[in-house]
Amino acid sequence: MTPEIEVGTFPAAADSIRRISLASAVADKLREKIIRGEIQEGEQLRQDAIARDFDVSRIPVREAMRQLEAEGLINIVPHRGAVVSALSPDEIEELFDIRALLECDVLRLSVPNLTDAEFRKADEILQAYEKALWLKEEVGTWGRLNWQFHSTLYSRANRPRFIALIQTINNNGDRYTRLQLYLTQAFERAKQEHRELLQLCRQRDVANACDLLGRHIRNAGQMLKEFVKQRRK
């Protein structure tokens, strides 16, 4: 016999889903603004202003804040509320060391399984990325295209939790990486290393691809660490 369903069960569940979806949408918008540098480190996020701008209640905004805090993009500070986090030079170095360990491991698993279609996709993304690097108005796309390129090379690792963790770490460092690239104009090095990485992956040269990727990430971390040190003096 089919059990009876209590009246009101489905509407309550639907409301919960809508609230969660709305909170995720608000979190996505705020995350993008932080990564793009539209909201600066140390800047306070006011729930009432955000709710008004996004035309939502404060409940999904509050839930979005919790999500961004869990990702390390904001801190909840007593008497100030939500504030965009500022990474110290040592924290930046540590994040890039973690990236190197995780991304090399994922690349090692992925490369043997990559298809010609995925190599073509990575090449197309890289072409778009290289064009965007020379256009100041495209600064906001650098991080997205860079992640699309790397994640394509990692896509056959079958490690979704690794990928999610790597993306979260990238989100924390991306705002600094774009700023460093923009001010130092280190475009040729980025282009060269990405091209070499793609070629090694095409050749299924796993050892050298992972070695290059590790150096690529750690060198970027060191450059960024020194850049942030100088900028905050």
Foldseek 3Di string as FASTA:
>chain_A
DDDDDDPPPVVVVVVVVVLQVLLVVLLVVVLLCDLLCVAPAFHADDLVVSCVVVVHDSSSVVVSLVVCVVLVQWDQDPPRGIGGHDDALVRLLVLLLVLLVLLLVLLLQQLVPQDPVLLVVLVVLLVVLLVLLVPPVSLSCNLVSVLVNSCSSSVRNPPVVSNVNSVSSSSNCNSLLSVLCVVVVPSVVVSVLSVVLSVCSVVVVSVVSSVSSSCVSNVSSVSSSVVVVVVVD
